[in-house]
Amino acid sequence: MIFLYVFAFFVLFFLLLSIGYIIQHKMIHGSCGGLANAGIEKACTCEKPCFKRKIKNKIAELKNSHSNNSEQ
């Protein structure tokens, strides 16, 4: 019976964690800041990036070009 209580507690705990993750729309990363702080630009090694990656790359490109233009 104790096993069922503990199992139910863990299921509830992970359910609440997943709801919090979905609501906040935050990326999961480690305490060090993830791959960006390790100097790795790209996590995937795909030759042809997916649609989501293309959008992220375009946004980053636009931010970089905007910051370069504002410095001049």
PDB file of N, CA and C in Angstrom:
ATOM      1  N   MET A   1       0.830  -1.196   0.000  1.00  0.00           N
ATOM      2  CA  MET A   1       0.000   0.000   0.000  1.00  0.00           C
ATOM      3  C   MET A   1       0.873   1.258   0.000  1.00  0.00           C
ATOM      4  N   ILE A   2       1.983   1.197   0.714  1.00  0.00           N
ATOM      5  CA  ILE A   2       2.880   2.353   0.750  1.00  0.00           C
ATOM      6  C   ILE A   2       3.433   2.627  -0.650  1.00  0.00           C
ATOM      7  N   PHE A   3       3.718   1.545  -1.378  1.00  0.00           N
ATOM      8  CA  PHE A   3       4.218   1.699  -2.746  1.00  0.00           C
ATOM      9  C   PHE A   3       3.249   2.522  -3.590  1.00  0.00           C
ATOM     10  N   LEU A   4       1.971   2.268  -3.469  1.00  0.00           N
ATOM     11  CA  LEU A   4       0.979   3.006  -4.252  1.00  0.00           C
ATOM     12  C   LEU A   4       0.939   4.484  -3.882  1.00  0.00           C
ATOM     13  N   TYR A   5       1.071   4.785  -2.586  1.00  0.00           N
ATOM     14  CA  TYR A   5       1.106   6.187  -2.153  1.00  0.00           C
ATOM     15  C   TYR A   5       2.341   6.894  -2.709  1.00  0.00           C
ATOM     16  N   VAL A   6       3.473   6.243  -2.630  1.00  0.00           N
ATOM     17  CA  VAL A   6       4.711   6.848  -3.123  1.00  0.00           C
ATOM     18  C   VAL A   6       4.639   7.018  -4.639  1.00  0.00           C
ATOM     19  N   PHE A   7       4.164   5.998  -5.326  1.00  0.00           N
ATOM     20  CA  PHE A   7       4.029   6.077  -6.774  1.00  0.00           C
ATOM     21  C   PHE A   7       3.074   7.206  -7.163  1.00  0.00           C
ATOM     22  N   ALA A   8       1.952   7.314  -6.496  1.00  0.00           N
ATOM     23  CA  ALA A   8       0.984   8.378  -6.780  1.00  0.00           C
ATOM     24  C   ALA A   8       1.596   9.752  -6.518  1.00  0.00           C
ATOM     25  N   PHE A   9       2.391   9.857  -5.453  1.00  0.00           N
ATOM     26  CA  PHE A   9       3.059  11.120  -5.140  1.00  0.00           C
ATOM     27  C   PHE A   9       4.017  11.522  -6.266  1.00  0.00           C
ATOM     28  N   PHE A  10       4.823  10.577  -6.756  1.00  0.00           N
ATOM     29  CA  PHE A  10       5.759  10.885  -7.826  1.00  0.00           C
ATOM     30  C   PHE A  10       5.041  11.235  -9.126  1.00  0.00           C
ATOM     31  N   VAL A  11       3.977  10.535  -9.429  1.00  0.00           N
ATOM     32  CA  VAL A  11       3.203  10.852 -10.627  1.00  0.00           C
ATOM     33  C   VAL A  11       2.618  12.257 -10.518  1.00  0.00           C
ATOM     34  N   LEU A  12       2.057  12.590  -9.379  1.00  0.00           N
ATOM     35  CA  LEU A  12       1.512  13.920  -9.156  1.00  0.00           C
ATOM     36  C   LEU A  12       2.602  14.988  -9.244  1.00  0.00           C
ATOM     37  N   PHE A  13       3.755  14.706  -8.655  1.00  0.00           N
ATOM     38  CA  PHE A  13       4.878  15.635  -8.665  1.00  0.00           C
ATOM     39  C   PHE A  13       5.322  15.937 -10.095  1.00  0.00           C
ATOM     40  N   PHE A  14       5.520  14.900 -10.906  1.00  0.00           N
ATOM     41  CA  PHE A  14       5.955  15.113 -12.280  1.00  0.00           C
ATOM     42  C   PHE A  14       4.856  15.738 -13.134  1.00  0.00           C
ATOM     43  N   LEU A  15       3.634  15.452 -12.834  1.00  0.00           N
ATOM     44  CA  LEU A  15       2.525  16.085 -13.534  1.00  0.00           C
ATOM     45  C   LEU A  15       2.518  17.587 -13.271  1.00  0.00           C
ATOM     46  N   LEU A  16       2.703  17.974 -12.021  1.00  0.00           N
ATOM     47  CA  LEU A  16       2.752  19.402 -11.681  1.00  0.00           C
ATOM     48  C   LEU A  16       3.964  20.077 -12.315  1.00  0.00           C
ATOM     49  N   LEU A  17       5.112  19.389 -12.338  1.00  0.00           N
ATOM     50  CA  LEU A  17       6.294  19.955 -12.995  1.00  0.00           C
ATOM     51  C   LEU A  17       6.039  20.173 -14.481  1.00  0.00           C
ATOM     52  N   SER A  18       5.414  19.212 -15.124  1.00  0.00           N
ATOM     53  CA  SER A  18       5.163  19.349 -16.561  1.00  0.00           C
ATOM     54  C   SER A  18       4.157  20.464 -16.844  1.00  0.00           C
ATOM     55  N   ILE A  19       3.173  20.626 -16.004  1.00  0.00           N
ATOM     56  CA  ILE A  19       2.207  21.722 -16.190  1.00  0.00           C
ATOM     57  C   ILE A  19       2.912  23.068 -16.044  1.00  0.00           C
ATOM     58  N   GLY A  20       3.778  23.193 -15.052  1.00  0.00           N
ATOM     59  CA  GLY A  20       4.547  24.428 -14.884  1.00  0.00           C
ATOM     60  C   GLY A  20       5.425  24.724 -16.075  1.00  0.00           C
ATOM     61  N   TYR A  21       6.042  23.686 -16.632  1.00  0.00           N
ATOM     62  CA  TYR A  21       6.896  23.854 -17.810  1.00  0.00           C
ATOM     63  C   TYR A  21       6.073  24.308 -19.010  1.00  0.00           C
ATOM     64  N   ILE A  22       4.924  23.704 -19.207  1.00  0.00           N
ATOM     65  CA  ILE A  22       4.073  24.043 -20.349  1.00  0.00           C
ATOM     66  C   ILE A  22       3.550  25.477 -20.225  1.00  0.00           C
ATOM     67  N   ILE A  23       3.159  25.883 -19.048  1.00  0.00           N
ATOM     68  CA  ILE A  23       2.597  27.223 -18.844  1.00  0.00           C
ATOM     69  C   ILE A  23       3.656  28.306 -19.021  1.00  0.00           C
ATOM     70  N   GLN A  24       4.860  28.083 -18.517  1.00  0.00           N
ATOM     71  CA  GLN A  24       5.891  29.120 -18.566  1.00  0.00           C
ATOM     72  C   GLN A  24       6.611  29.207 -19.905  1.00  0.00           C
ATOM     73  N   HIS A  25       6.505  28.203 -20.748  1.00  0.00           N
ATOM     74  CA  HIS A  25       7.155  28.188 -22.062  1.00  0.00           C
ATOM     75  C   HIS A  25       8.652  28.460 -21.965  1.00  0.00           C
ATOM     76  N   LYS A  26       9.299  27.922 -20.964  1.00  0.00           N
ATOM     77  CA  LYS A  26      10.732  28.122 -20.812  1.00  0.00           C
ATOM     78  C   LYS A  26      11.486  26.919 -21.348  1.00  0.00           C
ATOM     79  N   MET A  27      12.680  27.185 -21.857  1.00  0.00           N
ATOM     80  CA  MET A  27      13.541  26.103 -22.306  1.00  0.00           C
ATOM     81  C   MET A  27      14.164  25.433 -21.080  1.00  0.00           C
ATOM     82  N   ILE A  28      14.299  24.141 -21.151  1.00  0.00           N
ATOM     83  CA  ILE A  28      14.947  23.419 -20.066  1.00  0.00           C
ATOM     84  C   ILE A  28      16.458  23.554 -20.247  1.00  0.00           C
ATOM     85  N   HIS A  29      17.143  23.990 -19.206  1.00  0.00           N
ATOM     86  CA  HIS A  29      18.598  24.089 -19.268  1.00  0.00           C
ATOM     87  C   HIS A  29      19.168  23.827 -17.891  1.00  0.00           C
ATOM     88  N   GLY A  30      20.437  23.530 -17.870  1.00  0.00           N
ATOM     89  CA  GLY A  30      21.108  23.215 -16.613  1.00  0.00           C
ATOM     90  C   GLY A  30      21.443  24.452 -15.820  1.00  0.00           C
ATOM     91  N   SER A  31      22.025  24.269 -14.673  1.00  0.00           N
ATOM     92  CA  SER A  31      22.367  25.389 -13.809  1.00  0.00           C
ATOM     93  C   SER A  31      23.491  26.231 -14.391  1.00  0.00           C
ATOM     94  N   CYS A  32      24.244  25.698 -15.341  1.00  0.00           N
ATOM     95  CA  CYS A  32      25.348  26.434 -15.967  1.00  0.00           C
ATOM     96  C   CYS A  32      24.887  27.275 -17.143  1.00  0.00           C
ATOM     97  N   GLY A  33      23.652  27.165 -17.549  1.00  0.00           N
ATOM     98  CA  GLY A  33      23.153  27.933 -18.656  1.00  0.00           C
ATOM     99  C   GLY A  33      23.043  27.147 -19.945  1.00  0.00           C
ATOM    100  N   GLY A  34      23.391  25.905 -19.927  1.00  0.00           N
ATOM    101  CA  GLY A  34      23.223  25.066 -21.104  1.00  0.00           C
ATOM    102  C   GLY A  34      24.370  25.149 -22.078  1.00  0.00           C
ATOM    103  N   LEU A  35      24.092  24.811 -23.323  1.00  0.00           N
ATOM    104  CA  LEU A  35      25.126  24.735 -24.352  1.00  0.00           C
ATOM    105  C   LEU A  35      25.680  26.099 -24.741  1.00  0.00           C
ATOM    106  N   ALA A  36      24.906  27.147 -24.579  1.00  0.00           N
ATOM    107  CA  ALA A  36      25.367  28.479 -24.980  1.00  0.00           C
ATOM    108  C   ALA A  36      26.610  28.890 -24.199  1.00  0.00           C
ATOM    109  N   ASN A  37      26.681  28.571 -22.925  1.00  0.00           N
ATOM    110  CA  ASN A  37      27.841  28.928 -22.113  1.00  0.00           C
ATOM    111  C   ASN A  37      29.034  28.024 -22.369  1.00  0.00           C
ATOM    112  N   ALA A  38      28.809  26.888 -23.024  1.00  0.00           N
ATOM    113  CA  ALA A  38      29.907  25.982 -23.356  1.00  0.00           C
ATOM    114  C   ALA A  38      30.543  26.362 -24.685  1.00  0.00           C
ATOM    115  N   GLY A  39      30.022  27.380 -25.347  1.00  0.00           N
ATOM    116  CA  GLY A  39      30.571  27.833 -26.615  1.00  0.00           C
ATOM    117  C   GLY A  39      30.055  27.050 -27.807  1.00  0.00           C
ATOM    118  N   ILE A  40      28.989  26.298 -27.619  1.00  0.00           N
ATOM    119  CA  ILE A  40      28.417  25.513 -28.701  1.00  0.00           C
ATOM    120  C   ILE A  40      27.230  26.284 -29.260  1.00  0.00           C
ATOM    121  N   GLU A  41      27.314  26.648 -30.538  1.00  0.00           N
ATOM    122  CA  GLU A  41      26.241  27.441 -31.139  1.00  0.00           C
ATOM    123  C   GLU A  41      25.012  26.611 -31.444  1.00  0.00           C
ATOM    124  N   LYS A  42      25.229  25.392 -31.881  1.00  0.00           N
ATOM    125  CA  LYS A  42      24.132  24.604 -32.412  1.00  0.00           C
ATOM    126  C   LYS A  42      24.098  23.242 -31.725  1.00  0.00           C
ATOM    127  N   ALA A  43      22.953  22.877 -31.178  1.00  0.00           N
ATOM    128  CA  ALA A  43      22.825  21.598 -30.495  1.00  0.00           C
ATOM    129  C   ALA A  43      22.588  20.459 -31.470  1.00  0.00           C
ATOM    130  N   CYS A  44      21.933  20.747 -32.554  1.00  0.00           N
ATOM    131  CA  CYS A  44      21.658  19.684 -33.520  1.00  0.00           C
ATOM    132  C   CYS A  44      22.773  19.631 -34.561  1.00  0.00           C
ATOM    133  N   THR A  45      22.968  18.466 -35.120  1.00  0.00           N
ATOM    134  CA  THR A  45      24.008  18.306 -36.131  1.00  0.00           C
ATOM    135  C   THR A  45      23.403  18.023 -37.501  1.00  0.00           C
ATOM    136  N   CYS A  46      22.187  18.445 -37.697  1.00  0.00           N
ATOM    137  CA  CYS A  46      21.492  18.206 -38.966  1.00  0.00           C
ATOM    138  C   CYS A  46      22.099  19.065 -40.064  1.00  0.00           C
ATOM    139  N   GLU A  47      22.231  18.470 -41.253  1.00  0.00           N
ATOM    140  CA  GLU A  47      22.703  19.258 -42.392  1.00  0.00           C
ATOM    141  C   GLU A  47      21.636  20.254 -42.833  1.00  0.00           C
ATOM    142  N   LYS A  48      20.390  19.813 -42.777  1.00  0.00           N
ATOM    143  CA  LYS A  48      19.277  20.663 -43.171  1.00  0.00           C
ATOM    144  C   LYS A  48      18.433  20.930 -41.920  1.00  0.00           C
ATOM    145  N   PRO A  49      18.489  22.154 -41.366  1.00  0.00           N
ATOM    146  CA  PRO A  49      17.759  22.434 -40.119  1.00  0.00           C
ATOM    147  C   PRO A  49      16.247  22.375 -40.295  1.00  0.00           C
ATOM    148  N   CYS A  50      15.576  22.043 -39.215  1.00  0.00           N
ATOM    149  CA  CYS A  50      14.124  21.980 -39.231  1.00  0.00           C
ATOM    150  C   CYS A  50      13.535  23.397 -39.232  1.00  0.00           C
ATOM    151  N   PHE A  51      12.229  23.483 -39.385  1.00  0.00           N
ATOM    152  CA  PHE A  51      11.548  24.770 -39.476  1.00  0.00           C
ATOM    153  C   PHE A  51      11.769  25.615 -38.223  1.00  0.00           C
ATOM    154  N   LYS A  52      11.665  24.972 -37.048  1.00  0.00           N
ATOM    155  CA  LYS A  52      11.858  25.704 -35.795  1.00  0.00           C
ATOM    156  C   LYS A  52      13.265  26.275 -35.707  1.00  0.00           C
ATOM    157  N   ARG A  53      14.262  25.484 -36.107  1.00  0.00           N
ATOM    158  CA  ARG A  53      15.652  25.931 -36.061  1.00  0.00           C
ATOM    159  C   ARG A  53      15.872  27.073 -37.035  1.00  0.00           C
ATOM    160  N   LYS A  54      15.247  27.006 -38.222  1.00  0.00           N
ATOM    161  CA  LYS A  54      15.387  28.093 -39.194  1.00  0.00           C
ATOM    162  C   LYS A  54      14.847  29.397 -38.631  1.00  0.00           C
ATOM    163  N   ILE A  55      13.720  29.327 -37.942  1.00  0.00           N
ATOM    164  CA  ILE A  55      13.129  30.527 -37.347  1.00  0.00           C
ATOM    165  C   ILE A  55      14.052  31.089 -36.264  1.00  0.00           C
ATOM    166  N   LYS A  56      14.574  30.209 -35.395  1.00  0.00           N
ATOM    167  CA  LYS A  56      15.489  30.672 -34.338  1.00  0.00           C
ATOM    168  C   LYS A  56      16.734  31.302 -34.936  1.00  0.00           C
ATOM    169  N   ASN A  57      17.279  30.698 -35.989  1.00  0.00           N
ATOM    170  CA  ASN A  57      18.465  31.258 -36.630  1.00  0.00           C
ATOM    171  C   ASN A  57      18.173  32.620 -37.246  1.00  0.00           C
ATOM    172  N   LYS A  58      17.003  32.756 -37.868  1.00  0.00           N
ATOM    173  CA  LYS A  58      16.635  34.032 -38.481  1.00  0.00           C
ATOM    174  C   LYS A  58      16.466  35.119 -37.421  1.00  0.00           C
ATOM    175  N   ILE A  59      15.843  34.777 -36.296  1.00  0.00           N
ATOM    176  CA  ILE A  59      15.671  35.746 -35.209  1.00  0.00           C
ATOM    177  C   ILE A  59      17.026  36.173 -34.659  1.00  0.00           C
ATOM    178  N   ALA A  60      17.923  35.210 -34.469  1.00  0.00           N
ATOM    179  CA  ALA A  60      19.259  35.529 -33.962  1.00  0.00           C
ATOM    180  C   ALA A  60      20.020  36.402 -34.955  1.00  0.00           C
ATOM    181  N   GLU A  61      19.862  36.100 -36.240  1.00  0.00           N
ATOM    182  CA  GLU A  61      20.514  36.895 -37.280  1.00  0.00           C
ATOM    183  C   GLU A  61      19.999  38.326 -37.272  1.00  0.00           C
ATOM    184  N   LEU A  62      18.680  38.481 -37.132  1.00  0.00           N
ATOM    185  CA  LEU A  62      18.094  39.822 -37.102  1.00  0.00           C
ATOM    186  C   LEU A  62      18.532  40.592 -35.863  1.00  0.00           C
ATOM    187  N   LYS A  63      18.614  39.911 -34.723  1.00  0.00           N
ATOM    188  CA  LYS A  63      19.075  40.584 -33.501  1.00  0.00           C
ATOM    189  C   LYS A  63      20.514  41.037 -33.646  1.00  0.00           C
ATOM    190  N   ASN A  64      21.349  40.182 -34.223  1.00  0.00           N
ATOM    191  CA  ASN A  64      22.755  40.538 -34.407  1.00  0.00           C
ATOM    192  C   ASN A  64      22.911  41.707 -35.366  1.00  0.00           C
ATOM    193  N   SER A  65      22.156  41.701 -36.451  1.00  0.00           N
ATOM    194  CA  SER A  65      22.264  42.795 -37.409  1.00  0.00           C
ATOM    195  C   SER A  65      21.727  44.092 -36.800  1.00  0.00           C
ATOM    196  N   HIS A  66      20.677  43.982 -35.970  1.00  0.00           N
ATOM    197  CA  HIS A  66      20.133  45.175 -35.311  1.00  0.00           C
ATOM    198  C   HIS A  66      21.123  45.737 -34.306  1.00  0.00           C
ATOM    199  N   SER A  67      21.785  44.874 -33.534  1.00  0.00           N
ATOM    200  CA  SER A  67      22.745  45.364 -32.550  1.00  0.00           C
ATOM    201  C   SER A  67      23.979  45.945 -33.226  1.00  0.00           C
ATOM    202  N   ASN A  68      24.377  45.388 -34.354  1.00  0.00           N
ATOM    203  CA  ASN A  68      25.518  45.930 -35.103  1.00  0.00           C
ATOM    204  C   ASN A  68      25.184  47.295 -35.696  1.00  0.00           C
ATOM    205  N   ASN A  69      23.952  47.481 -36.164  1.00  0.00           N
ATOM    206  CA  ASN A  69      23.541  48.754 -36.732  1.00  0.00           C
ATOM    207  C   ASN A  69      23.423  49.835 -35.659  1.00  0.00           C
ATOM    208  N   SER A  70      23.006  49.465 -34.467  1.00  0.00           N
ATOM    209  CA  SER A  70      22.839  50.464 -33.404  1.00  0.00           C
ATOM    210  C   SER A  70      24.173  50.906 -32.825  1.00  0.00           C
ATOM    211  N   GLU A  71      25.227  50.092 -32.988  1.00  0.00           N
ATOM    212  CA  GLU A  71      26.543  50.473 -32.475  1.00  0.00           C
ATOM    213  C   GLU A  71      27.204  51.499 -33.367  1.00  0.00           C
ATOM    214  N   GLN A  72      26.843  51.531 -34.636  1.00  0.00           N
ATOM    215  CA  GLN A  72      27.502  52.443 -35.588  1.00  0.00           C
ATOM    216  C   GLN A  72      26.951  53.813 -35.526  1.00  0.00           C
TER     217      GLN A  72
END
